[in-house]
């Protein structure tokens, strides 16, 4: 029994006809994303901001107002209380507390003093909550200092830049420089739009999101390489066909594979997003968005860019056995 196919094996969609509207659309989204990032930034998690994170479980449905009133007058500074996962889970975020340090302290003494200051705050939080509520369980307590958070920011940015640079070199050596630059432009497009997406929706931006961005880079690259490989094959096969027609043909050849891969990936991510819990919600949200923008950029950015960089058959090693079909 044949499976129902969402996309016919042979299509003839003139993708390149829409390259200029797609370029304007993408440029607009990139400008808006950069503007929002400069104005609003992202909701940095404790990994990047530093501070204390406490996950509390309750027996009855959590009363967030009671949590806030219990912690409001303790002098902790900026305290954020939010529902987390189920109705019996609460996430408390507290800004990093100053420690009593002096200039004559050694590095190890400073670190110890900061740890003690944060641990004291955790004990005060527990005492304040237990004075007004019973049956609390503390499922997670994390502390990230300012130095560590700064190092994590640098490491996250470096990881993304190294990944994009490695992609440029890989595509350049496997194909031609035109393909390498096209792939990098498509990847930067995906990364910028993902950052703008998180700035707009306000989900916590932490190390798991950096991991998601790197995964998006890999996913988008896989799509792009498949399309580029077919473009190279068709350039050798159809030596008299115009470049625009070859690009359209290649995109149509790979369209069924592109859509089915995206749909199956979205099915898995959708299950994780709705049933995987709050811990991985940000990661799966980034991945779902990344599948959409990655598929879009592979078709409407990576392929049309080859025309802007004047790709022609003189850049390809045309084999003697290549076909001469028009």
Protein backbone atom coordinates (compact mmCIF):
# COMPACT_ATOMS: atom_id res chain seq x y z
CA UNK A 1 0.00 0.00 0.00
CA UNK A 2 1.45 3.31 -1.06
CA UNK A 3 1.78 6.04 1.50
CA UNK A 4 -0.01 9.29 0.82
CA UNK A 5 2.53 11.75 -0.53
CA UNK A 6 2.15 15.36 0.49
CA UNK A 7 4.27 16.59 -2.39
CA UNK A 8 4.34 15.09 -5.90
CA UNK A 9 7.66 13.63 -6.98
CA UNK A 10 7.82 16.04 -9.91
CA UNK A 11 6.97 19.69 -9.38
CA UNK A 12 7.70 22.77 -11.46
CA UNK A 13 7.53 25.68 -9.03
CA UNK A 14 9.42 28.80 -10.22
CA UNK A 15 11.14 29.50 -6.89
CA UNK A 16 13.64 31.95 -8.36
CA UNK A 17 10.81 34.16 -9.62
CA UNK A 18 10.20 35.11 -5.98
CA UNK A 19 13.82 35.78 -5.07
CA UNK A 20 13.47 39.56 -4.94
CA UNK A 21 10.34 39.62 -2.71
CA UNK A 22 12.00 36.97 -0.52
CA UNK A 23 15.17 39.06 -0.25
CA UNK A 24 13.16 42.14 0.75
CA UNK A 25 11.16 40.10 3.27
CA UNK A 26 14.29 38.59 4.82
CA UNK A 27 16.12 41.93 4.92
CA UNK A 28 13.13 43.49 6.69
CA UNK A 29 13.02 40.71 9.29
CA UNK A 30 16.78 40.97 9.87
CA UNK A 31 16.62 44.75 10.39
CA UNK A 32 13.66 44.36 12.76
CA UNK A 33 15.43 41.57 14.66
CA UNK A 34 18.61 43.61 15.10
CA UNK A 35 16.59 46.66 16.14
CA UNK A 36 14.61 44.68 18.73
CA UNK A 37 17.83 43.12 20.07
CA UNK A 38 19.41 46.56 20.54
CA UNK A 39 16.30 48.06 22.14
CA UNK A 40 14.99 45.15 24.18
CA UNK A 41 17.73 42.54 24.25
CA UNK A 42 16.98 38.98 25.33
CA UNK A 43 15.74 37.60 28.61
CA UNK A 44 19.08 36.30 29.84
CA UNK A 45 18.96 33.27 32.07
CA UNK A 46 21.10 32.68 35.11
CA UNK A 47 23.78 31.12 32.89
CA UNK A 48 24.50 34.53 31.37
CA UNK A 49 23.26 36.97 33.99
CA UNK A 50 24.57 35.39 37.18
CA UNK A 51 22.56 34.99 40.38
CA UNK A 52 20.58 32.36 42.27
CA UNK A 53 17.96 30.01 40.88
CA UNK A 54 15.73 27.91 43.16
CA UNK A 55 13.12 25.44 41.93
CA UNK A 56 10.46 24.74 44.57
CA UNK A 57 7.81 22.03 44.58
CA UNK A 58 4.55 22.41 46.50
CA UNK A 59 1.94 19.86 47.62
CA UNK A 60 -1.02 22.04 46.67
CA UNK A 61 -1.24 24.29 43.57
CA UNK A 62 1.33 27.04 44.06
CA UNK A 63 0.11 30.48 45.16
CA UNK A 64 2.54 32.83 43.38
CA UNK A 65 1.22 35.88 45.24
CA UNK A 66 2.05 34.20 48.56
CA UNK A 67 5.56 33.43 47.33
CA UNK A 68 6.10 37.03 46.26
CA UNK A 69 4.79 38.47 49.53
CA UNK A 70 7.02 36.12 51.55
CA UNK A 71 10.15 37.18 49.66
CA UNK A 72 9.29 40.78 48.93
CA UNK A 73 10.49 42.36 52.18
CA UNK A 74 13.69 40.37 52.63
CA UNK A 75 16.02 42.82 50.92
CA UNK A 76 17.12 40.40 48.21
CA UNK A 77 16.91 42.98 45.45
CA UNK A 78 15.46 41.83 42.15
CA UNK A 79 13.38 38.68 42.78
CA UNK A 80 11.40 36.94 40.02
CA UNK A 81 8.79 34.32 40.90
CA UNK A 82 7.11 32.38 38.10
CA UNK A 83 5.19 29.20 37.46
CA UNK A 84 7.40 26.44 36.15
CA UNK A 85 6.17 23.29 34.48
CA UNK A 86 3.18 22.00 36.43
CA UNK A 87 0.91 23.97 38.78
CA UNK A 88 2.90 22.56 41.71
CA UNK A 89 6.25 24.00 40.63
CA UNK A 90 7.67 27.47 41.14
CA UNK A 91 10.91 28.96 39.85
CA UNK A 92 12.57 31.70 41.92
CA UNK A 93 15.34 33.83 40.46
CA UNK A 94 17.30 36.21 42.68
CA UNK A 95 19.98 38.64 41.59
CA UNK A 96 23.54 37.97 42.67
CA UNK A 97 24.09 39.09 46.25
CA UNK A 98 27.16 41.16 47.19
CA UNK A 99 29.76 39.48 49.40
CA UNK A 100 31.93 41.03 52.08
CA UNK A 101 35.31 41.05 50.30
CA UNK A 102 38.40 43.17 50.78
CA UNK A 103 41.32 44.01 48.51
CA UNK A 104 43.78 41.91 50.51
CA UNK A 105 41.79 38.70 49.98
CA UNK A 106 43.16 36.02 47.70
CA UNK A 107 41.15 34.74 44.75
CA UNK A 108 40.13 31.58 46.58
CA UNK A 109 39.01 33.61 49.60
CA UNK A 110 36.90 35.88 47.37
CA UNK A 111 35.25 32.88 45.73
CA UNK A 112 34.54 31.31 49.11
CA UNK A 113 33.07 34.58 50.46
CA UNK A 114 30.76 34.90 47.43
CA UNK A 115 29.60 31.30 47.79
CA UNK A 116 28.85 31.81 51.46
CA UNK A 117 26.88 34.98 50.69
CA UNK A 118 24.71 33.15 48.16
CA UNK A 119 24.22 30.14 50.42
CA UNK A 120 23.10 32.44 53.22
CA UNK A 121 20.50 33.95 50.90
CA UNK A 122 19.25 30.45 49.96
CA UNK A 123 18.81 29.64 53.67
CA UNK A 124 16.92 32.90 54.23
CA UNK A 125 14.65 32.14 51.27
CA UNK A 126 13.88 28.70 52.67
CA UNK A 127 13.14 30.13 56.13
CA UNK A 128 10.87 32.85 54.68
CA UNK A 129 8.89 30.37 52.58
CA UNK A 130 8.58 27.72 55.27
CA UNK A 131 7.25 30.34 57.70
CA UNK A 132 4.13 30.76 55.56
CA UNK A 133 3.87 27.41 53.70
CA UNK A 134 4.24 23.73 54.47
CA UNK A 135 5.30 20.72 52.44
CA UNK A 136 7.85 22.48 50.26
CA UNK A 137 10.57 20.57 48.44
CA UNK A 138 13.65 22.22 46.96
CA UNK A 139 14.34 20.41 43.71
CA UNK A 140 17.12 22.55 42.32
CA UNK A 141 19.42 25.27 43.65
CA UNK A 142 21.93 26.87 41.28
CA UNK A 143 24.33 29.77 41.60
CA UNK A 144 26.36 31.35 38.82
CA UNK A 145 28.85 34.08 39.66
CA UNK A 146 29.62 37.12 37.49
CA UNK A 147 32.93 35.75 36.21
CA UNK A 148 31.43 32.42 35.20
CA UNK A 149 28.45 34.06 33.50
CA UNK A 150 30.78 36.35 31.55
CA UNK A 151 32.88 33.39 30.44
CA UNK A 152 29.73 31.54 29.36
CA UNK A 153 28.64 34.49 27.20
CA UNK A 154 32.04 34.59 25.51
CA UNK A 155 32.06 30.81 25.02
CA UNK A 156 28.53 30.83 23.55
CA UNK A 157 29.32 33.59 21.05
CA UNK A 158 32.61 31.92 20.12
CA UNK A 159 30.88 28.57 19.59
CA UNK A 160 28.42 30.09 17.10
CA UNK A 161 31.15 32.01 15.23
CA UNK A 162 33.40 28.96 15.01
CA UNK A 163 30.51 26.85 13.72
CA UNK A 164 29.68 29.39 11.00
CA UNK A 165 33.37 29.74 10.05
CA UNK A 166 33.77 25.96 9.83
CA UNK A 167 30.71 25.80 7.58
CA UNK A 168 32.24 28.40 5.25
CA UNK A 169 35.46 26.39 4.91
CA UNK A 170 33.66 23.07 4.50
CA UNK A 171 31.32 24.29 1.74
CA UNK A 172 34.14 26.21 0.06
CA UNK A 173 36.34 23.13 -0.25
CA UNK A 174 33.49 20.76 -1.12
CA UNK A 175 31.94 23.03 -3.76
CA UNK A 176 33.11 26.54 -4.74
CA UNK A 177 33.48 29.80 -2.84
CA UNK A 178 30.10 30.97 -4.18
CA UNK A 179 28.40 28.08 -2.37
CA UNK A 180 30.38 28.71 0.84
CA UNK A 181 29.38 32.38 1.00
CA UNK A 182 25.78 31.50 0.16
CA UNK A 183 25.61 28.93 2.95
CA UNK A 184 27.08 31.36 5.51
CA UNK A 185 24.64 34.11 4.52
CA UNK A 186 21.76 31.65 4.98
CA UNK A 187 23.10 30.54 8.39
CA UNK A 188 23.61 34.11 9.63
CA UNK A 189 20.05 34.84 8.47
CA UNK A 190 18.79 31.94 10.62
CA UNK A 191 20.85 32.91 13.68
CA UNK A 192 19.80 36.59 13.61
CA UNK A 193 16.11 35.73 13.16
CA UNK A 194 16.29 33.21 16.00
CA UNK A 195 17.81 35.82 18.32
CA UNK A 196 15.08 38.27 17.29
CA UNK A 197 12.44 35.61 17.89
CA UNK A 198 13.63 35.11 21.48
CA UNK A 199 13.76 38.84 22.07
CA UNK A 200 10.12 39.17 20.96
CA UNK A 201 8.64 36.22 22.87
CA UNK A 202 10.72 36.80 26.02
CA UNK A 203 11.60 33.17 26.73
CA UNK A 204 14.67 32.68 28.89
CA UNK A 205 17.89 32.71 26.87
CA UNK A 206 20.40 30.30 28.39
CA UNK A 207 23.02 27.74 27.40
CA UNK A 208 20.39 25.33 26.10
CA UNK A 209 19.34 27.99 23.58
CA UNK A 210 22.95 28.34 22.42
CA UNK A 211 22.92 24.56 21.91
CA UNK A 212 19.65 24.94 19.96
CA UNK A 213 21.21 27.62 17.72
CA UNK A 214 24.15 25.34 16.97
CA UNK A 215 21.70 22.54 16.18
CA UNK A 216 19.77 24.89 13.88
CA UNK A 217 23.04 25.69 12.10
CA UNK A 218 23.57 21.97 11.53
CA UNK A 219 19.99 21.37 10.40
CA UNK A 220 19.98 24.31 7.99
CA UNK A 221 23.41 23.32 6.66
CA UNK A 222 22.18 19.79 5.95
CA UNK A 223 19.29 21.14 3.87
CA UNK A 224 21.56 23.57 2.07
CA UNK A 225 24.18 20.94 1.22
CA UNK A 226 21.52 18.61 -0.24
CA UNK A 227 20.26 21.43 -2.48
CA UNK A 228 23.78 22.54 -3.44
CA UNK A 229 24.76 18.99 -4.31
CA UNK A 230 21.79 18.70 -6.66
CA UNK A 231 22.61 22.11 -8.19
CA UNK A 232 26.18 20.99 -8.91
CA UNK A 233 24.93 17.72 -10.39
CA UNK A 234 22.42 19.50 -12.64
CA UNK A 235 24.96 22.10 -13.76
CA UNK A 236 27.08 19.25 -15.06
CA UNK A 237 24.14 17.38 -16.53
CA UNK A 238 22.27 20.21 -18.26
CA UNK A 239 25.10 22.14 -19.85
CA UNK A 240 22.91 24.30 -22.13
CA UNK A 241 20.17 25.12 -19.63
CA UNK A 242 20.20 28.67 -18.14
CA UNK A 243 21.46 28.94 -14.56
CA UNK A 244 18.07 30.15 -13.29
CA UNK A 245 16.37 27.11 -14.78
CA UNK A 246 18.98 24.80 -13.26
CA UNK A 247 18.43 26.32 -9.81
CA UNK A 248 14.64 25.98 -10.13
CA UNK A 249 15.01 22.39 -11.31
CA UNK A 250 17.31 21.53 -8.41
CA UNK A 251 14.98 23.06 -5.84
CA UNK A 252 12.05 21.12 -7.28
CA UNK A 253 14.09 17.91 -7.34
CA UNK A 254 14.77 18.21 -3.60
CA UNK A 255 11.42 19.73 -2.58
CA UNK A 256 9.75 16.47 -1.52
CA UNK A 257 12.74 15.49 0.61
CA UNK A 258 12.93 18.98 2.17
CA UNK A 259 9.25 19.08 3.16
CA UNK A 260 9.10 15.52 4.49
CA UNK A 261 12.26 16.03 6.56
CA UNK A 262 10.88 19.25 8.02
CA UNK A 263 7.49 17.71 8.83
CA UNK A 264 8.92 14.66 10.58
CA UNK A 265 11.28 16.87 12.58
CA UNK A 266 8.41 19.17 13.57
CA UNK A 267 6.32 16.20 14.74
CA UNK A 268 9.07 15.14 17.14
CA UNK A 269 9.72 18.70 18.32
CA UNK A 270 6.00 19.37 18.79
CA UNK A 271 5.73 16.38 21.11
CA UNK A 272 8.71 17.59 23.13
CA UNK A 273 7.36 21.14 23.29
CA UNK A 274 3.92 20.17 24.61
CA UNK A 275 4.79 17.13 26.72
CA UNK A 276 8.51 17.45 27.50
CA UNK A 277 8.14 19.84 30.44
CA UNK A 278 9.28 23.37 31.13
CA UNK A 279 12.98 22.54 31.36
CA UNK A 280 13.34 21.92 27.62
CA UNK A 281 10.56 24.24 26.43
CA UNK A 282 12.95 27.01 25.40
CA UNK A 283 15.19 24.58 23.53
CA UNK A 284 12.31 23.01 21.60
CA UNK A 285 10.77 26.43 20.84
CA UNK A 286 14.08 27.53 19.32
CA UNK A 287 14.31 24.32 17.32
CA UNK A 288 10.75 24.61 15.96
CA UNK A 289 11.43 28.17 14.85
CA UNK A 290 14.79 27.05 13.44
CA UNK A 291 13.18 24.34 11.29
CA UNK A 292 10.91 26.94 9.68
CA UNK A 293 13.59 29.58 9.05
CA UNK A 294 16.19 26.96 8.11
CA UNK A 295 13.94 25.42 5.46
CA UNK A 296 12.97 28.86 4.16
CA UNK A 297 16.57 30.09 3.96
CA UNK A 298 17.79 26.95 2.18
CA UNK A 299 15.26 27.54 -0.60
CA UNK A 300 14.91 31.31 -0.83
CA UNK A 301 18.31 32.54 0.42
CA UNK A 302 21.03 29.94 -0.16
CA UNK A 303 20.06 29.14 -3.77
CA UNK A 304 19.27 32.66 -5.10
CA UNK A 305 22.50 34.03 -3.56
CA UNK A 306 24.41 31.99 -6.15
CA UNK A 307 22.95 34.23 -8.86
CA UNK A 308 24.02 37.40 -7.04
CA UNK A 309 27.60 36.08 -6.93
CA UNK A 310 27.53 35.32 -10.67
CA UNK A 311 27.88 31.56 -10.48
CA UNK A 312 28.35 29.99 -13.93
CA UNK A 313 29.67 26.78 -15.39
CA UNK A 314 33.19 28.14 -15.66
CA UNK A 315 33.43 27.62 -11.88
CA UNK A 316 32.46 23.95 -12.17
CA UNK A 317 34.57 21.03 -13.29
CA UNK A 318 32.33 19.72 -16.07
CA UNK A 319 33.03 16.06 -16.67
CA UNK A 320 33.44 14.62 -20.15
CA UNK A 321 30.58 12.21 -19.58
CA UNK A 322 28.13 14.89 -18.55
CA UNK A 323 24.87 15.02 -20.39
CA UNK A 324 24.11 17.68 -22.99
CA UNK A 325 20.41 18.01 -22.38
CA UNK A 326 18.87 21.44 -22.66
